[in-house]
Amino acid sequence: MKCSTDKAGCVARCIKIGLLAVAGIAAVTWVVMQLWNCLLPDLFIGVSPIGYWQALGVLVLCRILFGGMRGGCHGHWRERRERWEKMTPEERQQLKGRFRSRWSNCCSANKAEDSASGGDTGDKPAGGA
């Protein structure tokens, strides 16, 4: 799918989401730094306070060690694919229609062409292999 030339709303939404993600990561990093600096130097001898970038490094290290390098929900795509395969063709068309109505403002190449052709892209989900 191509974004249409009238994608100002889509770009604004993407920018807002990106800014919220950056602000969230910055806030979590600040909280980790504050907790480290308030707790660990008093609890353990020899532990020194850390700075902001060191706290971000601690978060990244924890993600690598405890969260893995892949994205979050590993099994969710499998569950969604199984649910998709159990749907009747009518239920699939209804679900496609709901997604099309939700995302047609910024993800449709040509709205007139999409509505004329019915937007049928096959019975496979977008994320499926």
C-alpha atoms as a PDB file:
ATOM      1  CA  MET A   1       0.000   0.000   0.000  1.00  0.00           C
ATOM      2  CA  LYS A   2       1.140   3.481  -0.810  1.00  0.00           C
ATOM      3  CA  CYS A   3       0.255   6.512   1.205  1.00  0.00           C
ATOM      4  CA  SER A   4      -1.734   9.015  -0.797  1.00  0.00           C
ATOM      5  CA  THR A   5      -0.493  12.507  -1.527  1.00  0.00           C
ATOM      6  CA  ASP A   6      -3.037  13.849   0.987  1.00  0.00           C
ATOM      7  CA  LYS A   7      -1.380  12.379   4.041  1.00  0.00           C
ATOM      8  CA  ALA A   8      -1.009  15.358   6.361  1.00  0.00           C
ATOM      9  CA  GLY A   9      -3.142  13.703   9.041  1.00  0.00           C
ATOM     10  CA  CYS A  10      -1.162  10.482   8.773  1.00  0.00           C
ATOM     11  CA  VAL A  11       2.176  12.272   9.057  1.00  0.00           C
ATOM     12  CA  ALA A  12       0.953  14.295  12.032  1.00  0.00           C
ATOM     13  CA  ARG A  13      -0.261  11.122  13.758  1.00  0.00           C
ATOM     14  CA  CYS A  14       3.090   9.397  13.150  1.00  0.00           C
ATOM     15  CA  ILE A  15       4.983  12.390  14.515  1.00  0.00           C
ATOM     16  CA  LYS A  16       2.780  12.474  17.630  1.00  0.00           C
ATOM     17  CA  ILE A  17       3.307   8.755  18.239  1.00  0.00           C
ATOM     18  CA  GLY A  18       7.061   9.137  17.767  1.00  0.00           C
ATOM     19  CA  LEU A  19       7.242  12.065  20.168  1.00  0.00           C
ATOM     20  CA  LEU A  20       5.193  10.175  22.765  1.00  0.00           C
ATOM     21  CA  ALA A  21       7.500   7.156  22.426  1.00  0.00           C
ATOM     22  CA  VAL A  22      10.616   9.311  22.877  1.00  0.00           C
ATOM     23  CA  ALA A  23       9.054  11.117  25.849  1.00  0.00           C
ATOM     24  CA  GLY A  24       8.066   7.787  27.416  1.00  0.00           C
ATOM     25  CA  ILE A  25      11.550   6.332  27.045  1.00  0.00           C
ATOM     26  CA  ALA A  26      13.054   9.543  28.452  1.00  0.00           C
ATOM     27  CA  ALA A  27      10.704   9.443  31.446  1.00  0.00           C
ATOM     28  CA  VAL A  28      11.426   5.775  32.205  1.00  0.00           C
ATOM     29  CA  THR A  29      15.165   6.438  31.912  1.00  0.00           C
ATOM     30  CA  TRP A  30      14.884   9.359  34.347  1.00  0.00           C
ATOM     31  CA  VAL A  31      12.925   7.198  36.826  1.00  0.00           C
ATOM     32  CA  VAL A  32      15.564   4.435  36.625  1.00  0.00           C
ATOM     33  CA  MET A  33      18.328   6.991  37.214  1.00  0.00           C
ATOM     34  CA  GLN A  34      16.506   8.468  40.225  1.00  0.00           C
ATOM     35  CA  LEU A  35      15.781   5.059  41.745  1.00  0.00           C
ATOM     36  CA  TRP A  36      19.372   3.926  41.250  1.00  0.00           C
ATOM     37  CA  ASN A  37      20.790   7.099  42.762  1.00  0.00           C
ATOM     38  CA  CYS A  38      18.377   7.082  45.731  1.00  0.00           C
ATOM     39  CA  LEU A  39      18.618   3.402  46.606  1.00  0.00           C
ATOM     40  CA  LEU A  40      21.756   1.624  45.506  1.00  0.00           C
ATOM     41  CA  PRO A  41      24.533   3.896  46.860  1.00  0.00           C
ATOM     42  CA  ASP A  42      22.923   3.695  50.315  1.00  0.00           C
ATOM     43  CA  LEU A  43      22.267  -0.052  50.181  1.00  0.00           C
ATOM     44  CA  PHE A  44      25.568  -1.293  48.747  1.00  0.00           C
ATOM     45  CA  ILE A  45      29.048  -0.041  49.577  1.00  0.00           C
ATOM     46  CA  GLY A  46      31.029   0.899  46.492  1.00  0.00           C
ATOM     47  CA  VAL A  47      28.077   1.627  44.174  1.00  0.00           C
ATOM     48  CA  SER A  48      28.243   5.145  42.815  1.00  0.00           C
ATOM     49  CA  PRO A  49      25.435   7.287  41.422  1.00  0.00           C
ATOM     50  CA  ILE A  50      24.848   7.112  37.664  1.00  0.00           C
ATOM     51  CA  GLY A  51      23.989   9.681  35.037  1.00  0.00           C
ATOM     52  CA  TYR A  52      21.145   9.793  32.530  1.00  0.00           C
ATOM     53  CA  TRP A  53      22.979   8.005  29.701  1.00  0.00           C
ATOM     54  CA  GLN A  54      24.213   5.309  32.060  1.00  0.00           C
ATOM     55  CA  ALA A  55      20.612   4.734  33.173  1.00  0.00           C
ATOM     56  CA  LEU A  56      19.586   4.388  29.528  1.00  0.00           C
ATOM     57  CA  GLY A  57      22.410   1.887  29.096  1.00  0.00           C
ATOM     58  CA  VAL A  58      21.128  -0.084  32.087  1.00  0.00           C
ATOM     59  CA  LEU A  59      17.667  -0.205  30.490  1.00  0.00           C
ATOM     60  CA  VAL A  60      19.081  -1.412  27.165  1.00  0.00           C
ATOM     61  CA  LEU A  61      21.214  -4.015  28.927  1.00  0.00           C
ATOM     62  CA  CYS A  62      18.192  -5.285  30.874  1.00  0.00           C
ATOM     63  CA  ARG A  63      16.202  -5.488  27.646  1.00  0.00           C
ATOM     64  CA  ILE A  64      18.928  -7.552  25.995  1.00  0.00           C
ATOM     65  CA  LEU A  65      19.475  -9.852  28.977  1.00  0.00           C
ATOM     66  CA  PHE A  66      15.913 -10.341  30.168  1.00  0.00           C
ATOM     67  CA  GLY A  67      13.662  -9.317  27.292  1.00  0.00           C
ATOM     68  CA  GLY A  68      15.426 -10.756  24.288  1.00  0.00           C
ATOM     69  CA  MET A  69      16.170  -8.961  21.042  1.00  0.00           C
ATOM     70  CA  ARG A  70      12.892  -9.744  19.280  1.00  0.00           C
ATOM     71  CA  GLY A  71       9.800  -7.615  19.657  1.00  0.00           C
ATOM     72  CA  GLY A  72       7.358  -7.984  22.504  1.00  0.00           C
ATOM     73  CA  CYS A  73       4.503 -10.431  22.000  1.00  0.00           C
ATOM     74  CA  HIS A  74       5.969 -13.493  20.250  1.00  0.00           C
ATOM     75  CA  GLY A  75       2.860 -15.660  20.290  1.00  0.00           C
ATOM     76  CA  HIS A  76       0.296 -13.006  19.390  1.00  0.00           C
ATOM     77  CA  TRP A  77       0.880 -13.263  15.629  1.00  0.00           C
ATOM     78  CA  ARG A  78       0.411 -17.013  15.782  1.00  0.00           C
ATOM     79  CA  GLU A  79      -2.840 -16.584  17.711  1.00  0.00           C
ATOM     80  CA  ARG A  80      -4.087 -13.944  15.260  1.00  0.00           C
ATOM     81  CA  ARG A  81      -3.255 -16.137  12.291  1.00  0.00           C
ATOM     82  CA  GLU A  82      -5.113 -19.099  13.851  1.00  0.00           C
ATOM     83  CA  ARG A  83      -8.124 -16.877  14.554  1.00  0.00           C
ATOM     84  CA  TRP A  84      -7.990 -15.582  10.950  1.00  0.00           C
ATOM     85  CA  GLU A  85      -7.922 -19.110   9.554  1.00  0.00           C
ATOM     86  CA  LYS A  86     -10.974 -20.094  11.636  1.00  0.00           C
ATOM     87  CA  MET A  87     -13.036 -17.159  10.315  1.00  0.00           C
ATOM     88  CA  THR A  88     -15.646 -17.594   7.632  1.00  0.00           C
ATOM     89  CA  PRO A  89     -15.196 -15.558   4.407  1.00  0.00           C
ATOM     90  CA  GLU A  90     -17.989 -13.212   5.561  1.00  0.00           C
ATOM     91  CA  GLU A  91     -16.248 -12.572   8.871  1.00  0.00           C
ATOM     92  CA  ARG A  92     -12.984 -11.903   7.047  1.00  0.00           C
ATOM     93  CA  GLN A  93     -14.643  -9.363   4.748  1.00  0.00           C
ATOM     94  CA  GLN A  94     -16.267  -7.679   7.761  1.00  0.00           C
ATOM     95  CA  LEU A  95     -12.894  -7.427   9.538  1.00  0.00           C
ATOM     96  CA  LYS A  96     -11.231  -6.070   6.389  1.00  0.00           C
ATOM     97  CA  GLY A  97     -13.992  -3.477   6.120  1.00  0.00           C
ATOM     98  CA  ARG A  98     -13.448  -2.351   9.701  1.00  0.00           C
ATOM     99  CA  PHE A  99      -9.699  -1.951   9.140  1.00  0.00           C
ATOM    100  CA  ARG A 100     -10.260  -0.221   5.802  1.00  0.00           C
ATOM    101  CA  SER A 101     -12.652   2.297   7.371  1.00  0.00           C
ATOM    102  CA  ARG A 102     -10.212   2.931  10.213  1.00  0.00           C
ATOM    103  CA  TRP A 103      -7.041   3.346   8.119  1.00  0.00           C
ATOM    104  CA  SER A 104      -8.348   4.522   4.734  1.00  0.00           C
ATOM    105  CA  ASN A 105      -7.508   8.158   5.462  1.00  0.00           C
ATOM    106  CA  CYS A 106      -3.752   7.683   5.343  1.00  0.00           C
ATOM    107  CA  CYS A 107      -3.012   4.265   3.866  1.00  0.00           C
ATOM    108  CA  SER A 108      -5.103   4.086   0.717  1.00  0.00           C
ATOM    109  CA  ALA A 109      -3.399   4.795  -2.618  1.00  0.00           C
ATOM    110  CA  ASN A 110      -6.636   5.830  -4.277  1.00  0.00           C
ATOM    111  CA  LYS A 111      -9.878   5.898  -2.305  1.00  0.00           C
ATOM    112  CA  ALA A 112     -12.088   5.735  -5.390  1.00  0.00           C
ATOM    113  CA  GLU A 113     -10.163   2.771  -6.805  1.00  0.00           C
ATOM    114  CA  ASP A 114     -10.210   1.053  -3.397  1.00  0.00           C
ATOM    115  CA  SER A 115     -13.965   1.350  -3.038  1.00  0.00           C
ATOM    116  CA  ALA A 116     -14.625   0.365  -6.671  1.00  0.00           C
ATOM    117  CA  SER A 117     -12.544  -2.793  -6.496  1.00  0.00           C
ATOM    118  CA  GLY A 118     -13.731  -3.658  -2.997  1.00  0.00           C
ATOM    119  CA  GLY A 119     -10.129  -3.534  -1.773  1.00  0.00           C
ATOM    120  CA  ASP A 120      -9.855  -7.335  -1.852  1.00  0.00           C
ATOM    121  CA  THR A 121      -6.251  -8.278  -1.157  1.00  0.00           C
ATOM    122  CA  GLY A 122      -6.773 -11.998  -0.666  1.00  0.00           C
ATOM    123  CA  ASP A 123      -7.532 -14.107   2.352  1.00  0.00           C
ATOM    124  CA  LYS A 124      -4.075 -13.914   3.946  1.00  0.00           C
ATOM    125  CA  PRO A 125      -3.485 -11.531   6.849  1.00  0.00           C
ATOM    126  CA  ALA A 126      -1.015  -8.720   6.264  1.00  0.00           C
ATOM    127  CA  GLY A 127       1.553 -10.050   8.745  1.00  0.00           C
ATOM    128  CA  GLY A 128       1.256 -13.701   7.733  1.00  0.00           C
ATOM    129  CA  ALA A 129       3.831 -15.659   5.773  1.00  0.00           C
END
